Amino acid sequence: MKAIQLTDIHTVDNEAERAQLLVFVFSMQKILNDALMGILRVRDLISPPYISIQPSLNVHRISSSDQFAIVASDGLFDFFSNDEAVELAESYILSNPFGDPAKFLVEQLIARAAEGFSTEELMNVPAGRRRKYHDDVTVIVIILGMNQRTSKASTCI
């Protein structure tokens, strides 16, 4: 199975985004008298020019070979490549016909992110220290075609 990325990545890992940010930074260096990208001085209440209101749209016509779509926040893809996420979801779906692939992906993410902690230890980190270890992550797996798998949606972990 082949992963098809349907969204653009809006981080400096994307060459086009990085180039756009560098053009902005270079142009602002001449204007701001050493203020850090305008953060130290309020110039106006309009969003900075490197934040675009133009959506990036990609279209993919669904075919009979498309089995599912993973809709997830960047937290999942900080730890798994597109191909890894698709491979994990596909193997889970094949071996657990009525299971919840989104919940499984989140569990795999927690296990990978735990770095030596057990999942239980990670989930029990005290509130004051959670910010260092916790991130809200959304994962939705949409099964395409006529194969209904479950009658209830995932909740949260």
Protein backbone atom coordinates (compact mmCIF):
# COMPACT_ATOMS: atom_id res chain seq x y z
CA MET A 1 0.00 0.00 0.00
CA LYS A 2 1.25 3.47 -0.87
CA ALA A 3 0.80 6.55 1.33
CA ILE A 4 -0.47 9.63 -0.49
CA GLN A 5 0.05 12.88 1.42
CA LEU A 6 -2.93 15.16 0.88
CA THR A 7 -1.73 18.23 2.77
CA ASP A 8 1.25 20.53 2.60
CA ILE A 9 3.58 20.68 5.59
CA HIS A 10 3.66 24.20 7.01
CA THR A 11 6.96 24.00 8.88
CA VAL A 12 10.53 24.96 8.02
CA ASP A 13 11.07 21.33 7.01
CA ASN A 14 9.18 22.27 3.83
CA GLU A 15 11.59 24.06 1.47
CA ALA A 16 8.91 26.43 0.12
CA GLU A 17 7.84 27.45 3.64
CA ARG A 18 11.47 27.94 4.70
CA ALA A 19 12.18 30.11 1.65
CA GLN A 20 9.10 32.26 2.34
CA LEU A 21 10.14 32.76 5.97
CA LEU A 22 13.73 33.60 5.03
CA VAL A 23 12.56 36.26 2.56
CA PHE A 24 10.44 37.79 5.33
CA VAL A 25 13.26 37.67 7.90
CA PHE A 26 15.75 39.22 5.48
CA SER A 27 13.37 42.06 4.58
CA MET A 28 12.51 42.72 8.24
CA GLN A 29 16.16 42.88 9.35
CA LYS A 30 16.52 46.16 7.45
CA ILE A 31 13.41 47.65 9.05
CA LEU A 32 13.36 46.63 12.69
CA ASN A 33 16.55 48.11 14.14
CA ASP A 34 17.60 44.84 15.75
CA ALA A 35 14.15 44.04 17.19
CA LEU A 36 13.62 40.30 17.04
CA MET A 37 11.32 39.81 14.00
CA GLY A 38 9.01 42.52 15.31
CA ILE A 39 8.20 40.54 18.44
CA LEU A 40 9.62 43.28 20.67
CA ARG A 41 7.67 46.02 18.93
CA VAL A 42 3.99 46.00 18.04
CA ARG A 43 3.79 47.34 14.50
CA ASP A 44 0.12 46.67 13.80
CA LEU A 45 -2.63 44.24 14.69
CA ILE A 46 -2.60 42.46 11.35
CA SER A 47 -0.99 39.01 11.18
CA PRO A 48 2.68 38.97 10.19
CA PRO A 49 3.19 38.63 6.42
CA TYR A 50 4.65 35.13 6.78
CA ILE A 51 1.23 33.91 7.99
CA SER A 52 -0.99 33.41 4.97
CA ILE A 53 -4.78 33.41 4.92
CA GLN A 54 -4.72 31.53 1.62
CA PRO A 55 -5.55 27.86 2.14
CA SER A 56 -3.41 25.22 0.49
CA LEU A 57 -5.68 22.83 -1.34
CA ASN A 58 -4.83 19.45 -2.79
CA VAL A 59 -7.30 17.18 -4.54
CA HIS A 60 -7.22 13.39 -4.70
CA ARG A 61 -10.01 11.51 -6.42
CA ILE A 62 -10.87 8.48 -4.30
CA SER A 63 -10.62 5.20 -6.18
CA SER A 64 -11.46 1.61 -5.31
CA SER A 65 -7.82 1.01 -4.37
CA ASP A 66 -7.99 3.64 -1.59
CA GLN A 67 -8.77 1.79 1.64
CA PHE A 68 -8.64 4.47 4.34
CA ALA A 69 -7.58 8.02 5.12
CA ILE A 70 -5.61 9.07 8.19
CA VAL A 71 -6.49 12.58 9.33
CA ALA A 72 -4.13 13.59 12.12
CA SER A 73 -2.41 16.51 13.74
CA ASP A 74 1.32 16.96 13.39
CA GLY A 75 2.00 15.10 16.65
CA LEU A 76 1.49 11.76 14.90
CA PHE A 77 3.76 12.71 12.02
CA ASP A 78 6.46 14.04 14.35
CA PHE A 79 7.06 10.39 15.29
CA PHE A 80 5.91 8.41 12.23
CA SER A 81 6.45 8.96 8.52
CA ASN A 82 3.40 8.80 6.27
CA ASP A 83 4.43 5.32 5.14
CA GLU A 84 4.93 4.10 8.72
CA ALA A 85 1.50 5.39 9.79
CA VAL A 86 -0.19 3.76 6.79
CA GLU A 87 1.67 0.48 7.38
CA LEU A 88 0.67 0.43 11.06
CA ALA A 89 -2.97 1.23 10.29
CA GLU A 90 -3.17 -1.31 7.46
CA SER A 91 -1.69 -4.15 9.53
CA TYR A 92 -3.97 -3.30 12.44
CA ILE A 93 -7.09 -3.17 10.24
CA LEU A 94 -6.24 -6.54 8.67
CA SER A 95 -5.65 -8.25 12.01
CA ASN A 96 -8.45 -6.52 13.97
CA PRO A 97 -11.52 -6.30 11.73
CA PHE A 98 -13.64 -4.58 14.41
CA GLY A 99 -10.88 -2.72 16.23
CA ASP A 100 -10.20 1.00 16.33
CA PRO A 101 -7.19 1.87 14.12
CA ALA A 102 -7.10 5.51 15.30
CA LYS A 103 -6.81 4.45 18.93
CA PHE A 104 -4.13 1.95 17.92
CA LEU A 105 -2.11 4.68 16.17
CA VAL A 106 -2.33 6.88 19.27
CA GLU A 107 -1.18 3.97 21.45
CA GLN A 108 1.78 3.38 19.13
CA LEU A 109 2.58 7.10 19.23
CA ILE A 110 2.54 7.12 23.04
CA ALA A 111 4.79 4.06 23.13
CA ARG A 112 7.29 5.66 20.75
CA ALA A 113 7.18 9.04 22.50
CA ALA A 114 7.58 7.52 25.97
CA GLU A 115 11.32 6.91 25.47
CA GLY A 116 11.91 4.48 28.30
CA PHE A 117 8.79 5.30 30.31
CA SER A 118 6.02 2.75 30.43
CA THR A 119 2.78 4.04 28.94
CA GLU A 120 1.28 4.01 32.44
CA GLU A 121 4.14 6.12 33.83
CA LEU A 122 3.77 8.62 30.99
CA MET A 123 0.01 8.91 31.51
CA ASN A 124 0.57 9.53 35.25
CA VAL A 125 3.11 12.38 34.97
CA PRO A 126 2.05 15.04 37.53
CA ALA A 127 0.21 18.08 36.18
CA GLY A 128 3.10 20.50 36.75
CA ARG A 129 5.50 18.43 34.65
CA ARG A 130 3.03 17.41 31.93
CA ARG A 131 3.87 20.27 29.61
CA LYS A 132 7.31 18.72 29.04
CA TYR A 133 5.81 15.36 28.10
CA HIS A 134 2.24 15.92 26.89
CA ASP A 135 0.86 17.14 23.60
CA ASP A 136 -2.70 17.02 22.34
CA VAL A 137 -2.84 14.78 19.30
CA THR A 138 -5.82 14.09 17.08
CA VAL A 139 -5.99 10.95 14.96
CA ILE A 140 -8.99 9.96 12.84
CA VAL A 141 -8.98 6.96 10.51
CA ILE A 142 -11.73 7.04 7.89
CA ILE A 143 -12.43 3.66 6.35
CA LEU A 144 -13.34 4.09 2.68
CA GLY A 145 -15.68 1.90 0.71
CA MET A 146 -18.47 -0.30 1.98
CA ASN A 147 -16.68 -2.05 4.87
CA GLN A 148 -18.21 -0.62 8.04
CA ARG A 149 -15.97 -1.61 10.93
CA THR A 150 -17.40 -0.19 14.12
CA SER A 151 -20.58 1.44 15.34
CA LYS A 152 -18.89 3.86 17.73
CA ALA A 153 -16.19 6.46 17.37
CA SER A 154 -12.94 6.62 19.29
CA THR A 155 -12.91 8.75 22.36
CA CYS A 156 -9.58 9.65 23.91
CA ILE A 157 -6.70 8.06 25.77
